[in-house]
């Protein structure tokens, strides 16, 4: 998922999803891109650290205090510009059930290294 300029340029932004045919070591290459939302003005993520019982603005599994761990929950807040010119916010929270490394045979890909 990523935010990119809308086709035709200008100040319009869109939320995009790239879905690869198979998971590999190059998640930013290949696959099919799809527009999920138009007129995006903001996209924020928060990550719930269950060891501290608090939400964090950033998550880096290579950082010492978060090393080898994934957050318990992720909150996604998307803000778009409605046709009437007002901003609309959409919030979704999801639980991450995968807490340990995921090895995909034959790819050398590890989701969260140990």
C-alpha atoms as a PDB file:
ATOM      1  CA  UNK A   1       0.000   0.000   0.000  1.00  0.00           C
ATOM      2  CA  UNK A   2       1.271   3.468  -0.824  1.00  0.00           C
ATOM      3  CA  UNK A   3       0.115   6.990  -1.654  1.00  0.00           C
ATOM      4  CA  UNK A   4       0.973   8.335  -5.106  1.00  0.00           C
ATOM      5  CA  UNK A   5       0.039  11.283  -7.324  1.00  0.00           C
ATOM      6  CA  UNK A   6      -3.183  10.768  -9.265  1.00  0.00           C
ATOM      7  CA  UNK A   7      -2.978  10.174 -13.003  1.00  0.00           C
ATOM      8  CA  UNK A   8      -2.728  13.525 -14.712  1.00  0.00           C
ATOM      9  CA  UNK A   9      -0.630  14.985 -11.872  1.00  0.00           C
ATOM     10  CA  UNK A  10      -1.680  18.085 -10.026  1.00  0.00           C
ATOM     11  CA  UNK A  11      -2.240  18.135  -6.295  1.00  0.00           C
ATOM     12  CA  UNK A  12      -4.492  15.066  -6.229  1.00  0.00           C
ATOM     13  CA  UNK A  13      -3.275  11.955  -4.415  1.00  0.00           C
ATOM     14  CA  UNK A  14      -4.565   8.376  -4.444  1.00  0.00           C
ATOM     15  CA  UNK A  15      -4.162   5.371  -2.150  1.00  0.00           C
ATOM     16  CA  UNK A  16      -2.693   2.496  -4.155  1.00  0.00           C
ATOM     17  CA  UNK A  17      -2.226  -1.220  -3.614  1.00  0.00           C
ATOM     18  CA  UNK A  18       0.320  -3.339  -5.417  1.00  0.00           C
ATOM     19  CA  UNK A  19      -0.537  -7.036  -5.428  1.00  0.00           C
ATOM     20  CA  UNK A  20       2.277  -9.267  -6.665  1.00  0.00           C
ATOM     21  CA  UNK A  21       1.582 -12.629  -8.257  1.00  0.00           C
ATOM     22  CA  UNK A  22       3.857 -14.156  -5.620  1.00  0.00           C
ATOM     23  CA  UNK A  23       5.692 -12.879  -2.563  1.00  0.00           C
ATOM     24  CA  UNK A  24       9.378 -12.243  -3.196  1.00  0.00           C
ATOM     25  CA  UNK A  25      12.279 -10.078  -2.013  1.00  0.00           C
ATOM     26  CA  UNK A  26      11.192  -7.053  -4.097  1.00  0.00           C
ATOM     27  CA  UNK A  27       7.828  -5.883  -2.661  1.00  0.00           C
ATOM     28  CA  UNK A  28       8.050  -2.521  -4.468  1.00  0.00           C
ATOM     29  CA  UNK A  29       8.430  -4.062  -7.945  1.00  0.00           C
ATOM     30  CA  UNK A  30       6.116  -6.002 -10.248  1.00  0.00           C
ATOM     31  CA  UNK A  31       2.549  -7.018  -9.574  1.00  0.00           C
ATOM     32  CA  UNK A  32      -0.643  -5.185 -10.445  1.00  0.00           C
ATOM     33  CA  UNK A  33      -1.347  -1.686  -9.088  1.00  0.00           C
ATOM     34  CA  UNK A  34      -4.891  -0.729  -8.127  1.00  0.00           C
ATOM     35  CA  UNK A  35      -6.354   2.610  -6.954  1.00  0.00           C
ATOM     36  CA  UNK A  36      -8.193   2.084  -3.647  1.00  0.00           C
ATOM     37  CA  UNK A  37      -9.135   5.690  -2.773  1.00  0.00           C
ATOM     38  CA  UNK A  38      -8.979   9.040  -4.553  1.00  0.00           C
ATOM     39  CA  UNK A  39      -8.434  12.587  -3.253  1.00  0.00           C
ATOM     40  CA  UNK A  40      -6.284  11.378  -0.335  1.00  0.00           C
ATOM     41  CA  UNK A  41      -5.136  14.213   1.940  1.00  0.00           C
ATOM     42  CA  UNK A  42      -3.582  12.172   4.762  1.00  0.00           C
ATOM     43  CA  UNK A  43      -2.672   8.593   5.662  1.00  0.00           C
ATOM     44  CA  UNK A  44      -1.497   7.690   9.171  1.00  0.00           C
ATOM     45  CA  UNK A  45      -0.594   4.460  10.908  1.00  0.00           C
ATOM     46  CA  UNK A  46      -0.341   3.675  14.617  1.00  0.00           C
ATOM     47  CA  UNK A  47       1.056   0.487  16.108  1.00  0.00           C
ATOM     48  CA  UNK A  48       0.022  -1.002  19.454  1.00  0.00           C
ATOM     49  CA  UNK A  49       2.946  -2.201  21.573  1.00  0.00           C
ATOM     50  CA  UNK A  50       1.470  -4.713  24.013  1.00  0.00           C
ATOM     51  CA  UNK A  51       4.694  -4.790  26.061  1.00  0.00           C
ATOM     52  CA  UNK A  52       4.223  -1.075  26.903  1.00  0.00           C
ATOM     53  CA  UNK A  53       0.407  -1.002  26.652  1.00  0.00           C
ATOM     54  CA  UNK A  54       0.561   2.048  24.359  1.00  0.00           C
ATOM     55  CA  UNK A  55       0.211   3.146  20.737  1.00  0.00           C
ATOM     56  CA  UNK A  56       3.354   4.126  18.769  1.00  0.00           C
ATOM     57  CA  UNK A  57       3.582   6.344  15.648  1.00  0.00           C
ATOM     58  CA  UNK A  58       6.369   4.195  14.180  1.00  0.00           C
ATOM     59  CA  UNK A  59       7.323   0.521  14.228  1.00  0.00           C
ATOM     60  CA  UNK A  60      10.735  -0.807  13.249  1.00  0.00           C
ATOM     61  CA  UNK A  61      11.385  -4.491  13.973  1.00  0.00           C
ATOM     62  CA  UNK A  62      15.129  -3.853  13.727  1.00  0.00           C
ATOM     63  CA  UNK A  63      15.060  -1.238  16.522  1.00  0.00           C
ATOM     64  CA  UNK A  64      16.279  -2.559  19.885  1.00  0.00           C
ATOM     65  CA  UNK A  65      13.032  -2.138  21.843  1.00  0.00           C
ATOM     66  CA  UNK A  66      10.944  -3.662  19.022  1.00  0.00           C
ATOM     67  CA  UNK A  67      13.523  -6.141  17.738  1.00  0.00           C
ATOM     68  CA  UNK A  68      12.098  -9.363  16.322  1.00  0.00           C
ATOM     69  CA  UNK A  69       8.521  -8.340  17.203  1.00  0.00           C
ATOM     70  CA  UNK A  70       5.446  -7.166  15.373  1.00  0.00           C
ATOM     71  CA  UNK A  71       2.768  -4.929  16.903  1.00  0.00           C
ATOM     72  CA  UNK A  72      -0.357  -6.549  18.344  1.00  0.00           C
ATOM     73  CA  UNK A  73      -2.659  -4.100  16.506  1.00  0.00           C
ATOM     74  CA  UNK A  74      -2.339  -1.622  13.632  1.00  0.00           C
ATOM     75  CA  UNK A  75      -4.590   1.430  13.285  1.00  0.00           C
ATOM     76  CA  UNK A  76      -4.993   2.945   9.820  1.00  0.00           C
ATOM     77  CA  UNK A  77      -6.462   6.437   9.428  1.00  0.00           C
ATOM     78  CA  UNK A  78      -7.233   7.612   5.896  1.00  0.00           C
ATOM     79  CA  UNK A  79      -8.419  11.173   5.215  1.00  0.00           C
ATOM     80  CA  UNK A  80      -9.942  12.081   1.856  1.00  0.00           C
ATOM     81  CA  UNK A  81     -11.494  15.169   0.343  1.00  0.00           C
ATOM     82  CA  UNK A  82     -15.230  14.616  -0.241  1.00  0.00           C
ATOM     83  CA  UNK A  83     -17.009  16.014  -3.331  1.00  0.00           C
ATOM     84  CA  UNK A  84     -18.425  18.844  -1.164  1.00  0.00           C
ATOM     85  CA  UNK A  85     -14.858  19.930  -0.290  1.00  0.00           C
ATOM     86  CA  UNK A  86     -14.926  18.697   3.317  1.00  0.00           C
ATOM     87  CA  UNK A  87     -12.454  16.176   4.691  1.00  0.00           C
ATOM     88  CA  UNK A  88     -13.682  12.697   5.629  1.00  0.00           C
ATOM     89  CA  UNK A  89     -11.751  10.395   7.969  1.00  0.00           C
ATOM     90  CA  UNK A  90     -11.901   6.623   7.856  1.00  0.00           C
ATOM     91  CA  UNK A  91     -10.310   4.574  10.646  1.00  0.00           C
ATOM     92  CA  UNK A  92      -9.724   0.837  10.696  1.00  0.00           C
ATOM     93  CA  UNK A  93      -7.944  -1.240  13.327  1.00  0.00           C
ATOM     94  CA  UNK A  94      -6.788  -4.786  12.866  1.00  0.00           C
ATOM     95  CA  UNK A  95      -5.033  -7.364  15.005  1.00  0.00           C
ATOM     96  CA  UNK A  96      -1.755  -8.867  13.816  1.00  0.00           C
ATOM     97  CA  UNK A  97      -1.807 -12.554  14.698  1.00  0.00           C
ATOM     98  CA  UNK A  98       1.677 -13.252  13.326  1.00  0.00           C
ATOM     99  CA  UNK A  99       4.188 -12.404  16.071  1.00  0.00           C
ATOM    100  CA  UNK A 100       7.177 -14.516  14.959  1.00  0.00           C
ATOM    101  CA  UNK A 101       9.284 -14.863  11.849  1.00  0.00           C
ATOM    102  CA  UNK A 102       7.625 -16.112   8.681  1.00  0.00           C
ATOM    103  CA  UNK A 103       9.942 -18.033   6.349  1.00  0.00           C
ATOM    104  CA  UNK A 104       8.770 -18.644   2.804  1.00  0.00           C
ATOM    105  CA  UNK A 105      10.605 -21.640   1.381  1.00  0.00           C
ATOM    106  CA  UNK A 106      12.663 -20.948  -1.717  1.00  0.00           C
ATOM    107  CA  UNK A 107      12.499 -17.143  -1.505  1.00  0.00           C
ATOM    108  CA  UNK A 108      14.869 -16.295   1.331  1.00  0.00           C
ATOM    109  CA  UNK A 109      12.092 -13.980   2.541  1.00  0.00           C
ATOM    110  CA  UNK A 110      11.576 -13.599   6.288  1.00  0.00           C
ATOM    111  CA  UNK A 111       8.677 -11.461   7.499  1.00  0.00           C
ATOM    112  CA  UNK A 112      10.209 -10.671  10.893  1.00  0.00           C
ATOM    113  CA  UNK A 113      13.802 -11.906  11.344  1.00  0.00           C
ATOM    114  CA  UNK A 114      14.892 -13.540  14.588  1.00  0.00           C
END
